[in-house]
Amino acid sequence: MVNGTRYNKSLVVLPDTILKDWVPSPLEALTAHDLQPIMEFRPEILLLGTGIVQRFPPRHILQALAQARIGLEVMDNSAACRTYNVLAGEDRRVAAALMIAPPD
């Protein structure tokens, strides 16, 4: 839930908006193109929530974010939401990309 609204699809939380139509590839196939809407915001840090458990993205994603000078923290969605709230409360330029697996 974000601001009292339940989401069943992957989304990106930014300080002033929520990108509800973010449809990333599965984590293993994630591309820099999938991150383009986030990179346009130019966050200082991206919190990548990988669902119920923490899983790391492919190396080329780490490299693309490093080239763009965007820090990356990878964690499960619950931790990403908590961390987002702390960093946003400190007026940091933060984005949270939350990957939500479709229901079976």
PDB file of N, CA and C in Angstrom:
ATOM      1  N   MET A   1       0.844  -1.179   0.000  1.00  0.00           N
ATOM      2  CA  MET A   1       0.000   0.000   0.000  1.00  0.00           C
ATOM      3  C   MET A   1       0.886   1.238   0.000  1.00  0.00           C
ATOM      4  N   VAL A   2       0.475   2.218  -0.779  1.00  0.00           N
ATOM      5  CA  VAL A   2       1.151   3.511  -0.813  1.00  0.00           C
ATOM      6  C   VAL A   2       0.074   4.574  -0.659  1.00  0.00           C
ATOM      7  N   ASN A   3       0.225   5.407   0.355  1.00  0.00           N
ATOM      8  CA  ASN A   3      -0.761   6.457   0.632  1.00  0.00           C
ATOM      9  C   ASN A   3      -2.187   5.903   0.690  1.00  0.00           C
ATOM     10  N   GLY A   4      -2.338   4.739   1.271  1.00  0.00           N
ATOM     11  CA  GLY A   4      -3.654   4.147   1.449  1.00  0.00           C
ATOM     12  C   GLY A   4      -4.200   3.411   0.241  1.00  0.00           C
ATOM     13  N   THR A   5      -3.445   3.355  -0.844  1.00  0.00           N
ATOM     14  CA  THR A   5      -3.886   2.661  -2.052  1.00  0.00           C
ATOM     15  C   THR A   5      -3.083   1.376  -2.207  1.00  0.00           C
ATOM     16  N   ARG A   6      -3.778   0.273  -2.461  1.00  0.00           N
ATOM     17  CA  ARG A   6      -3.120  -1.018  -2.655  1.00  0.00           C
ATOM     18  C   ARG A   6      -2.789  -1.183  -4.137  1.00  0.00           C
ATOM     19  N   TYR A   7      -1.559  -1.593  -4.405  1.00  0.00           N
ATOM     20  CA  TYR A   7      -1.100  -1.828  -5.770  1.00  0.00           C
ATOM     21  C   TYR A   7      -0.787  -3.305  -5.938  1.00  0.00           C
ATOM     22  N   ASN A   8      -1.195  -3.858  -7.078  1.00  0.00           N
ATOM     23  CA  ASN A   8      -0.957  -5.264  -7.383  1.00  0.00           C
ATOM     24  C   ASN A   8       0.018  -5.441  -8.534  1.00  0.00           C
ATOM     25  N   LYS A   9       0.571  -4.331  -9.019  1.00  0.00           N
ATOM     26  CA  LYS A   9       1.538  -4.361 -10.112  1.00  0.00           C
ATOM     27  C   LYS A   9       2.749  -3.544  -9.702  1.00  0.00           C
ATOM     28  N   SER A  10       3.861  -3.807 -10.356  1.00  0.00           N
ATOM     29  CA  SER A  10       5.089  -3.067 -10.076  1.00  0.00           C
ATOM     30  C   SER A  10       4.862  -1.574 -10.275  1.00  0.00           C
ATOM     31  N   LEU A  11       5.555  -0.779  -9.476  1.00  0.00           N
ATOM     32  CA  LEU A  11       5.401   0.666  -9.538  1.00  0.00           C
ATOM     33  C   LEU A  11       6.676   1.343  -9.080  1.00  0.00           C
ATOM     34  N   VAL A  12       6.749   2.638  -9.378  1.00  0.00           N
ATOM     35  CA  VAL A  12       7.863   3.463  -8.938  1.00  0.00           C
ATOM     36  C   VAL A  12       7.292   4.596  -8.104  1.00  0.00           C
ATOM     37  N   VAL A  13       7.843   4.765  -6.909  1.00  0.00           N
ATOM     38  CA  VAL A  13       7.405   5.831  -6.020  1.00  0.00           C
ATOM     39  C   VAL A  13       8.455   6.931  -6.050  1.00  0.00           C
ATOM     40  N   LEU A  14       8.008   8.129  -6.421  1.00  0.00           N
ATOM     41  CA  LEU A  14       8.845   9.326  -6.445  1.00  0.00           C
ATOM     42  C   LEU A  14       8.234  10.329  -5.480  1.00  0.00           C
ATOM     43  N   PRO A  15       8.971  11.330  -5.060  1.00  0.00           N
ATOM     44  CA  PRO A  15       8.422  12.273  -4.078  1.00  0.00           C
ATOM     45  C   PRO A  15       7.100  12.929  -4.486  1.00  0.00           C
ATOM     46  N   ASP A  16       6.929  13.218  -5.770  1.00  0.00           N
ATOM     47  CA  ASP A  16       5.732  13.939  -6.195  1.00  0.00           C
ATOM     48  C   ASP A  16       4.768  13.130  -7.040  1.00  0.00           C
ATOM     49  N   THR A  17       5.112  11.881  -7.326  1.00  0.00           N
ATOM     50  CA  THR A  17       4.254  11.090  -8.198  1.00  0.00           C
ATOM     51  C   THR A  17       4.513   9.597  -8.015  1.00  0.00           C
ATOM     52  N   ILE A  18       3.593   8.825  -8.524  1.00  0.00           N
ATOM     53  CA  ILE A  18       3.742   7.371  -8.557  1.00  0.00           C
ATOM     54  C   ILE A  18       3.598   6.944 -10.010  1.00  0.00           C
ATOM     55  N   LEU A  19       4.584   6.209 -10.505  1.00  0.00           N
ATOM     56  CA  LEU A  19       4.510   5.670 -11.857  1.00  0.00           C
ATOM     57  C   LEU A  19       3.866   4.290 -11.760  1.00  0.00           C
ATOM     58  N   LYS A  20       2.560   4.243 -12.011  1.00  0.00           N
ATOM     59  CA  LYS A  20       1.804   3.002 -11.848  1.00  0.00           C
ATOM     60  C   LYS A  20       1.962   2.063 -13.020  1.00  0.00           C
ATOM     61  N   ASP A  21       2.379   2.575 -14.150  1.00  0.00           N
ATOM     62  CA  ASP A  21       2.456   1.758 -15.356  1.00  0.00           C
ATOM     63  C   ASP A  21       3.858   1.220 -15.609  1.00  0.00           C
ATOM     64  N   TRP A  22       4.685   1.174 -14.572  1.00  0.00           N
ATOM     65  CA  TRP A  22       6.041   0.647 -14.740  1.00  0.00           C
ATOM     66  C   TRP A  22       5.952  -0.863 -14.871  1.00  0.00           C
ATOM     67  N   VAL A  23       6.346  -1.363 -16.004  1.00  0.00           N
ATOM     68  CA  VAL A  23       6.268  -2.795 -16.258  1.00  0.00           C
ATOM     69  C   VAL A  23       7.687  -3.289 -16.547  1.00  0.00           C
ATOM     70  N   PRO A  24       8.441  -3.587 -15.507  1.00  0.00           N
ATOM     71  CA  PRO A  24       9.806  -4.046 -15.735  1.00  0.00           C
ATOM     72  C   PRO A  24       9.833  -5.484 -16.227  1.00  0.00           C
ATOM     73  N   SER A  25      10.940  -5.818 -16.825  1.00  0.00           N
ATOM     74  CA  SER A  25      11.182  -7.213 -17.180  1.00  0.00           C
ATOM     75  C   SER A  25      11.336  -7.997 -15.886  1.00  0.00           C
ATOM     76  N   PRO A  26      11.282  -9.334 -15.965  1.00  0.00           N
ATOM     77  CA  PRO A  26      11.665 -10.088 -14.763  1.00  0.00           C
ATOM     78  C   PRO A  26      13.063  -9.634 -14.333  1.00  0.00           C
ATOM     79  N   LEU A  27      13.357  -9.715 -13.071  1.00  0.00           N
ATOM     80  CA  LEU A  27      14.617  -9.193 -12.540  1.00  0.00           C
ATOM     81  C   LEU A  27      15.824  -9.669 -13.340  1.00  0.00           C
ATOM     82  N   GLU A  28      15.845 -10.927 -13.697  1.00  0.00           N
ATOM     83  CA  GLU A  28      16.983 -11.478 -14.416  1.00  0.00           C
ATOM     84  C   GLU A  28      17.154 -10.861 -15.798  1.00  0.00           C
ATOM     85  N   ALA A  29      16.066 -10.324 -16.369  1.00  0.00           N
ATOM     86  CA  ALA A  29      16.106  -9.739 -17.708  1.00  0.00           C
ATOM     87  C   ALA A  29      15.975  -8.215 -17.675  1.00  0.00           C
ATOM     88  N   LEU A  30      16.069  -7.621 -16.498  1.00  0.00           N
ATOM     89  CA  LEU A  30      15.930  -6.170 -16.351  1.00  0.00           C
ATOM     90  C   LEU A  30      16.960  -5.455 -17.212  1.00  0.00           C
ATOM     91  N   THR A  31      16.528  -4.401 -17.896  1.00  0.00           N
ATOM     92  CA  THR A  31      17.429  -3.645 -18.768  1.00  0.00           C
ATOM     93  C   THR A  31      17.487  -2.185 -18.317  1.00  0.00           C
ATOM     94  N   ALA A  32      18.479  -1.474 -18.826  1.00  0.00           N
ATOM     95  CA  ALA A  32      18.578  -0.037 -18.555  1.00  0.00           C
ATOM     96  C   ALA A  32      17.341   0.681 -19.103  1.00  0.00           C
ATOM     97  N   HIS A  33      16.782   0.163 -20.191  1.00  0.00           N
ATOM     98  CA  HIS A  33      15.557   0.759 -20.751  1.00  0.00           C
ATOM     99  C   HIS A  33      14.407   0.691 -19.738  1.00  0.00           C
ATOM    100  N   ASP A  34      14.321  -0.397 -18.996  1.00  0.00           N
ATOM    101  CA  ASP A  34      13.286  -0.526 -17.966  1.00  0.00           C
ATOM    102  C   ASP A  34      13.425   0.563 -16.900  1.00  0.00           C
ATOM    103  N   LEU A  35      14.648   1.017 -16.680  1.00  0.00           N
ATOM    104  CA  LEU A  35      14.916   2.025 -15.638  1.00  0.00           C
ATOM    105  C   LEU A  35      14.843   3.452 -16.158  1.00  0.00           C
ATOM    106  N   GLN A  36      14.627   3.636 -17.458  1.00  0.00           N
ATOM    107  CA  GLN A  36      14.644   4.971 -18.054  1.00  0.00           C
ATOM    108  C   GLN A  36      13.705   5.967 -17.370  1.00  0.00           C
ATOM    109  N   PRO A  37      12.446   5.599 -17.070  1.00  0.00           N
ATOM    110  CA  PRO A  37      11.573   6.577 -16.405  1.00  0.00           C
ATOM    111  C   PRO A  37      12.128   7.033 -15.048  1.00  0.00           C
ATOM    112  N   ILE A  38      12.830   6.146 -14.380  1.00  0.00           N
ATOM    113  CA  ILE A  38      13.420   6.480 -13.082  1.00  0.00           C
ATOM    114  C   ILE A  38      14.646   7.365 -13.284  1.00  0.00           C
ATOM    115  N   MET A  39      15.462   7.034 -14.260  1.00  0.00           N
ATOM    116  CA  MET A  39      16.688   7.791 -14.514  1.00  0.00           C
ATOM    117  C   MET A  39      16.376   9.226 -14.946  1.00  0.00           C
ATOM    118  N   GLU A  40      15.238   9.424 -15.606  1.00  0.00           N
ATOM    119  CA  GLU A  40      14.830  10.781 -15.999  1.00  0.00           C
ATOM    120  C   GLU A  40      14.583  11.660 -14.779  1.00  0.00           C
ATOM    121  N   PHE A  41      14.168  11.083 -13.693  1.00  0.00           N
ATOM    122  CA  PHE A  41      13.949  11.817 -12.442  1.00  0.00           C
ATOM    123  C   PHE A  41      15.272  12.246 -11.802  1.00  0.00           C
ATOM    124  N   ARG A  42      16.368  11.527 -12.141  1.00  0.00           N
ATOM    125  CA  ARG A  42      17.709  11.808 -11.621  1.00  0.00           C
ATOM    126  C   ARG A  42      17.777  11.710 -10.097  1.00  0.00           C
ATOM    127  N   PRO A  43      17.341  10.581  -9.527  1.00  0.00           N
ATOM    128  CA  PRO A  43      17.451  10.445  -8.070  1.00  0.00           C
ATOM    129  C   PRO A  43      18.907  10.316  -7.659  1.00  0.00           C
ATOM    130  N   GLU A  44      19.206  10.692  -6.426  1.00  0.00           N
ATOM    131  CA  GLU A  44      20.562  10.438  -5.930  1.00  0.00           C
ATOM    132  C   GLU A  44      20.689   8.981  -5.519  1.00  0.00           C
ATOM    133  N   ILE A  45      19.546   8.372  -5.186  1.00  0.00           N
ATOM    134  CA  ILE A  45      19.558   6.962  -4.798  1.00  0.00           C
ATOM    135  C   ILE A  45      18.278   6.283  -5.276  1.00  0.00           C
ATOM    136  N   LEU A  46      18.443   5.072  -5.775  1.00  0.00           N
ATOM    137  CA  LEU A  46      17.323   4.235  -6.190  1.00  0.00           C
ATOM    138  C   LEU A  46      17.251   3.054  -5.238  1.00  0.00           C
ATOM    139  N   LEU A  47      16.092   2.869  -4.652  1.00  0.00           N
ATOM    140  CA  LEU A  47      15.831   1.700  -3.815  1.00  0.00           C
ATOM    141  C   LEU A  47      15.096   0.702  -4.702  1.00  0.00           C
ATOM    142  N   LEU A  48      15.712  -0.412  -4.969  1.00  0.00           N
ATOM    143  CA  LEU A  48      15.093  -1.434  -5.806  1.00  0.00           C
ATOM    144  C   LEU A  48      14.528  -2.516  -4.910  1.00  0.00           C
ATOM    145  N   GLY A  49      13.202  -2.538  -4.821  1.00  0.00           N
ATOM    146  CA  GLY A  49      12.517  -3.577  -4.067  1.00  0.00           C
ATOM    147  C   GLY A  49      12.255  -4.750  -4.992  1.00  0.00           C
ATOM    148  N   THR A  50      12.757  -5.905  -4.624  1.00  0.00           N
ATOM    149  CA  THR A  50      12.685  -7.057  -5.527  1.00  0.00           C
ATOM    150  C   THR A  50      11.621  -8.070  -5.110  1.00  0.00           C
ATOM    151  N   GLY A  51      10.590  -7.595  -4.460  1.00  0.00           N
ATOM    152  CA  GLY A  51       9.505  -8.489  -4.069  1.00  0.00           C
ATOM    153  C   GLY A  51       9.617  -8.914  -2.622  1.00  0.00           C
ATOM    154  N   ILE A  52       9.235 -10.137  -2.353  1.00  0.00           N
ATOM    155  CA  ILE A  52       9.201 -10.652  -0.983  1.00  0.00           C
ATOM    156  C   ILE A  52      10.600 -10.913  -0.448  1.00  0.00           C
ATOM    157  N   VAL A  53      11.513 -11.259  -1.347  1.00  0.00           N
ATOM    158  CA  VAL A  53      12.897 -11.524  -0.936  1.00  0.00           C
ATOM    159  C   VAL A  53      13.858 -10.642  -1.725  1.00  0.00           C
ATOM    160  N   GLN A  54      15.003 -10.393  -1.132  1.00  0.00           N
ATOM    161  CA  GLN A  54      16.041  -9.615  -1.784  1.00  0.00           C
ATOM    162  C   GLN A  54      16.736 -10.471  -2.845  1.00  0.00           C
ATOM    163  N   ARG A  55      16.807  -9.931  -4.058  1.00  0.00           N
ATOM    164  CA  ARG A  55      17.531 -10.578  -5.153  1.00  0.00           C
ATOM    165  C   ARG A  55      18.277  -9.475  -5.899  1.00  0.00           C
ATOM    166  N   PHE A  56      19.440  -9.767  -6.387  1.00  0.00           N
ATOM    167  CA  PHE A  56      20.241  -8.738  -7.029  1.00  0.00           C
ATOM    168  C   PHE A  56      20.044  -8.722  -8.539  1.00  0.00           C
ATOM    169  N   PRO A  57      20.026  -7.516  -9.135  1.00  0.00           N
ATOM    170  CA  PRO A  57      19.846  -7.401 -10.579  1.00  0.00           C
ATOM    171  C   PRO A  57      21.133  -7.757 -11.321  1.00  0.00           C
ATOM    172  N   PRO A  58      21.044  -7.911 -12.630  1.00  0.00           N
ATOM    173  CA  PRO A  58      22.234  -8.208 -13.424  1.00  0.00           C
ATOM    174  C   PRO A  58      23.282  -7.092 -13.311  1.00  0.00           C
ATOM    175  N   ARG A  59      24.514  -7.456 -13.538  1.00  0.00           N
ATOM    176  CA  ARG A  59      25.639  -6.528 -13.398  1.00  0.00           C
ATOM    177  C   ARG A  59      25.483  -5.284 -14.280  1.00  0.00           C
ATOM    178  N   HIS A  60      24.938  -5.444 -15.493  1.00  0.00           N
ATOM    179  CA  HIS A  60      24.828  -4.277 -16.383  1.00  0.00           C
ATOM    180  C   HIS A  60      23.891  -3.207 -15.809  1.00  0.00           C
ATOM    181  N   ILE A  61      22.957  -3.595 -14.970  1.00  0.00           N
ATOM    182  CA  ILE A  61      22.081  -2.613 -14.308  1.00  0.00           C
ATOM    183  C   ILE A  61      22.902  -1.802 -13.311  1.00  0.00           C
ATOM    184  N   LEU A  62      23.729  -2.471 -12.547  1.00  0.00           N
ATOM    185  CA  LEU A  62      24.596  -1.774 -11.595  1.00  0.00           C
ATOM    186  C   LEU A  62      25.505  -0.796 -12.329  1.00  0.00           C
ATOM    187  N   GLN A  63      26.047  -1.222 -13.452  1.00  0.00           N
ATOM    188  CA  GLN A  63      26.942  -0.375 -14.230  1.00  0.00           C
ATOM    189  C   GLN A  63      26.217   0.834 -14.807  1.00  0.00           C
ATOM    190  N   ALA A  64      24.999   0.637 -15.330  1.00  0.00           N
ATOM    191  CA  ALA A  64      24.235   1.747 -15.905  1.00  0.00           C
ATOM    192  C   ALA A  64      23.923   2.801 -14.849  1.00  0.00           C
ATOM    193  N   LEU A  65      23.543   2.362 -13.669  1.00  0.00           N
ATOM    194  CA  LEU A  65      23.237   3.316 -12.595  1.00  0.00           C
ATOM    195  C   LEU A  65      24.501   4.015 -12.110  1.00  0.00           C
ATOM    196  N   ALA A  66      25.594   3.295 -12.021  1.00  0.00           N
ATOM    197  CA  ALA A  66      26.857   3.912 -11.606  1.00  0.00           C
ATOM    198  C   ALA A  66      27.283   4.970 -12.619  1.00  0.00           C
ATOM    199  N   GLN A  67      27.141   4.678 -13.913  1.00  0.00           N
ATOM    200  CA  GLN A  67      27.475   5.652 -14.947  1.00  0.00           C
ATOM    201  C   GLN A  67      26.611   6.902 -14.832  1.00  0.00           C
ATOM    202  N   ALA A  68      25.361   6.720 -14.449  1.00  0.00           N
ATOM    203  CA  ALA A  68      24.442   7.850 -14.294  1.00  0.00           C
ATOM    204  C   ALA A  68      24.601   8.534 -12.934  1.00  0.00           C
ATOM    205  N   ARG A  69      25.534   8.026 -12.136  1.00  0.00           N
ATOM    206  CA  ARG A  69      25.788   8.565 -10.790  1.00  0.00           C
ATOM    207  C   ARG A  69      24.553   8.488  -9.889  1.00  0.00           C
ATOM    208  N   ILE A  70      23.883   7.343  -9.979  1.00  0.00           N
ATOM    209  CA  ILE A  70      22.715   7.070  -9.144  1.00  0.00           C
ATOM    210  C   ILE A  70      23.080   5.896  -8.244  1.00  0.00           C
ATOM    211  N   GLY A  71      22.992   6.120  -6.941  1.00  0.00           N
ATOM    212  CA  GLY A  71      23.262   5.052  -5.996  1.00  0.00           C
ATOM    213  C   GLY A  71      22.153   4.020  -6.031  1.00  0.00           C
ATOM    214  N   LEU A  72      22.478   2.791  -5.720  1.00  0.00           N
ATOM    215  CA  LEU A  72      21.494   1.712  -5.739  1.00  0.00           C
ATOM    216  C   LEU A  72      21.564   0.933  -4.440  1.00  0.00           C
ATOM    217  N   GLU A  73      20.409   0.707  -3.867  1.00  0.00           N
ATOM    218  CA  GLU A  73      20.267  -0.189  -2.720  1.00  0.00           C
ATOM    219  C   GLU A  73      19.216  -1.216  -3.105  1.00  0.00           C
ATOM    220  N   VAL A  74      19.542  -2.477  -2.967  1.00  0.00           N
ATOM    221  CA  VAL A  74      18.631  -3.561  -3.327  1.00  0.00           C
ATOM    222  C   VAL A  74      18.140  -4.220  -2.051  1.00  0.00           C
ATOM    223  N   MET A  75      16.834  -4.401  -1.950  1.00  0.00           N
ATOM    224  CA  MET A  75      16.239  -4.984  -0.748  1.00  0.00           C
ATOM    225  C   MET A  75      14.863  -5.537  -1.079  1.00  0.00           C
ATOM    226  N   ASP A  76      14.245  -6.203  -0.124  1.00  0.00           N
ATOM    227  CA  ASP A  76      12.873  -6.653  -0.353  1.00  0.00           C
ATOM    228  C   ASP A  76      11.953  -5.430  -0.325  1.00  0.00           C
ATOM    229  N   ASN A  77      10.721  -5.587  -0.791  1.00  0.00           N
ATOM    230  CA  ASN A  77       9.813  -4.444  -0.902  1.00  0.00           C
ATOM    231  C   ASN A  77       9.502  -3.789   0.441  1.00  0.00           C
ATOM    232  N   SER A  78       9.326  -4.569   1.484  1.00  0.00           N
ATOM    233  CA  SER A  78       9.022  -3.985   2.795  1.00  0.00           C
ATOM    234  C   SER A  78      10.150  -3.072   3.262  1.00  0.00           C
ATOM    235  N   ALA A  79      11.373  -3.540   3.141  1.00  0.00           N
ATOM    236  CA  ALA A  79      12.533  -2.732   3.540  1.00  0.00           C
ATOM    237  C   ALA A  79      12.668  -1.507   2.649  1.00  0.00           C
ATOM    238  N   ALA A  80      12.399  -1.661   1.351  1.00  0.00           N
ATOM    239  CA  ALA A  80      12.494  -0.532   0.425  1.00  0.00           C
ATOM    240  C   ALA A  80      11.486   0.560   0.802  1.00  0.00           C
ATOM    241  N   CYS A  81      10.285   0.169   1.185  1.00  0.00           N
ATOM    242  CA  CYS A  81       9.268   1.156   1.581  1.00  0.00           C
ATOM    243  C   CYS A  81       9.674   1.877   2.859  1.00  0.00           C
ATOM    244  N   ARG A  82      10.152   1.140   3.834  1.00  0.00           N
ATOM    245  CA  ARG A  82      10.595   1.769   5.086  1.00  0.00           C
ATOM    246  C   ARG A  82      11.748   2.734   4.831  1.00  0.00           C
ATOM    247  N   THR A  83      12.714   2.299   4.033  1.00  0.00           N
ATOM    248  CA  THR A  83      13.883   3.130   3.744  1.00  0.00           C
ATOM    249  C   THR A  83      13.480   4.361   2.945  1.00  0.00           C
ATOM    250  N   TYR A  84      12.553   4.196   2.005  1.00  0.00           N
ATOM    251  CA  TYR A  84      12.062   5.332   1.227  1.00  0.00           C
ATOM    252  C   TYR A  84      11.488   6.395   2.165  1.00  0.00           C
ATOM    253  N   ASN A  85      10.666   5.973   3.109  1.00  0.00           N
ATOM    254  CA  ASN A  85      10.045   6.933   4.030  1.00  0.00           C
ATOM    255  C   ASN A  85      11.092   7.702   4.832  1.00  0.00           C
ATOM    256  N   VAL A  86      12.123   7.021   5.276  1.00  0.00           N
ATOM    257  CA  VAL A  86      13.181   7.688   6.043  1.00  0.00           C
ATOM    258  C   VAL A  86      13.917   8.701   5.165  1.00  0.00           C
ATOM    259  N   LEU A  87      14.336   8.265   3.976  1.00  0.00           N
ATOM    260  CA  LEU A  87      15.109   9.148   3.103  1.00  0.00           C
ATOM    261  C   LEU A  87      14.275  10.315   2.585  1.00  0.00           C
ATOM    262  N   ALA A  88      13.026  10.057   2.226  1.00  0.00           N
ATOM    263  CA  ALA A  88      12.149  11.138   1.770  1.00  0.00           C
ATOM    264  C   ALA A  88      11.908  12.133   2.904  1.00  0.00           C
ATOM    265  N   GLY A  89      11.809  11.631   4.137  1.00  0.00           N
ATOM    266  CA  GLY A  89      11.636  12.505   5.299  1.00  0.00           C
ATOM    267  C   GLY A  89      12.847  13.397   5.540  1.00  0.00           C
ATOM    268  N   GLU A  90      13.997  12.983   5.020  1.00  0.00           N
ATOM    269  CA  GLU A  90      15.221  13.783   5.112  1.00  0.00           C
ATOM    270  C   GLU A  90      15.399  14.672   3.881  1.00  0.00           C
ATOM    271  N   ASP A  91      14.351  14.762   3.048  1.00  0.00           N
ATOM    272  CA  ASP A  91      14.372  15.553   1.804  1.00  0.00           C
ATOM    273  C   ASP A  91      15.449  15.103   0.832  1.00  0.00           C
ATOM    274  N   ARG A  92      15.737  13.810   0.822  1.00  0.00           N
ATOM    275  CA  ARG A  92      16.694  13.254  -0.137  1.00  0.00           C
ATOM    276  C   ARG A  92      15.977  13.009  -1.456  1.00  0.00           C
ATOM    277  N   ARG A  93      16.691  13.085  -2.539  1.00  0.00           N
ATOM    278  CA  ARG A  93      16.130  12.823  -3.874  1.00  0.00           C
ATOM    279  C   ARG A  93      16.183  11.308  -4.091  1.00  0.00           C
ATOM    280  N   VAL A  94      15.103  10.641  -3.723  1.00  0.00           N
ATOM    281  CA  VAL A  94      15.060   9.187  -3.682  1.00  0.00           C
ATOM    282  C   VAL A  94      13.913   8.672  -4.540  1.00  0.00           C
ATOM    283  N   ALA A  95      14.110   7.487  -5.110  1.00  0.00           N
ATOM    284  CA  ALA A  95      13.068   6.793  -5.853  1.00  0.00           C
ATOM    285  C   ALA A  95      13.036   5.360  -5.355  1.00  0.00           C
ATOM    286  N   ALA A  96      11.839   4.791  -5.308  1.00  0.00           N
ATOM    287  CA  ALA A  96      11.682   3.384  -4.940  1.00  0.00           C
ATOM    288  C   ALA A  96      10.999   2.661  -6.085  1.00  0.00           C
ATOM    289  N   ALA A  97      11.690   1.713  -6.683  1.00  0.00           N
ATOM    290  CA  ALA A  97      11.128   0.872  -7.729  1.00  0.00           C
ATOM    291  C   ALA A  97      10.754  -0.444  -7.072  1.00  0.00           C
ATOM    292  N   LEU A  98       9.477  -0.732  -7.025  1.00  0.00           N
ATOM    293  CA  LEU A  98       8.969  -1.909  -6.312  1.00  0.00           C
ATOM    294  C   LEU A  98       8.463  -2.942  -7.310  1.00  0.00           C
ATOM    295  N   MET A  99       9.113  -4.067  -7.352  1.00  0.00           N
ATOM    296  CA  MET A  99       8.722  -5.130  -8.261  1.00  0.00           C
ATOM    297  C   MET A  99       7.704  -6.032  -7.566  1.00  0.00           C
ATOM    298  N   ILE A 100       6.555  -6.153  -8.165  1.00  0.00           N
ATOM    299  CA  ILE A 100       5.479  -6.971  -7.591  1.00  0.00           C
ATOM    300  C   ILE A 100       5.132  -8.059  -8.596  1.00  0.00           C
ATOM    301  N   ALA A 101       5.303  -9.284  -8.178  1.00  0.00           N
ATOM    302  CA  ALA A 101       4.997 -10.414  -9.059  1.00  0.00           C
ATOM    303  C   ALA A 101       3.493 -10.523  -9.225  1.00  0.00           C
ATOM    304  N   PRO A 102       3.041 -10.792 -10.460  1.00  0.00           N
ATOM    305  CA  PRO A 102       1.605 -10.983 -10.660  1.00  0.00           C
ATOM    306  C   PRO A 102       1.117 -12.205  -9.899  1.00  0.00           C
ATOM    307  N   PRO A 103      -0.121 -12.180  -9.417  1.00  0.00           N
ATOM    308  CA  PRO A 103      -0.647 -13.340  -8.692  1.00  0.00           C
ATOM    309  C   PRO A 103      -0.715 -14.555  -9.605  1.00  0.00           C
ATOM    310  N   ASP A 104      -0.499 -15.722  -9.024  1.00  0.00           N
ATOM    311  CA  ASP A 104      -0.558 -16.973  -9.805  1.00  0.00           C
ATOM    312  C   ASP A 104      -1.973 -17.316 -10.179  1.00  0.00           C
TER     313      ASP A 104
END
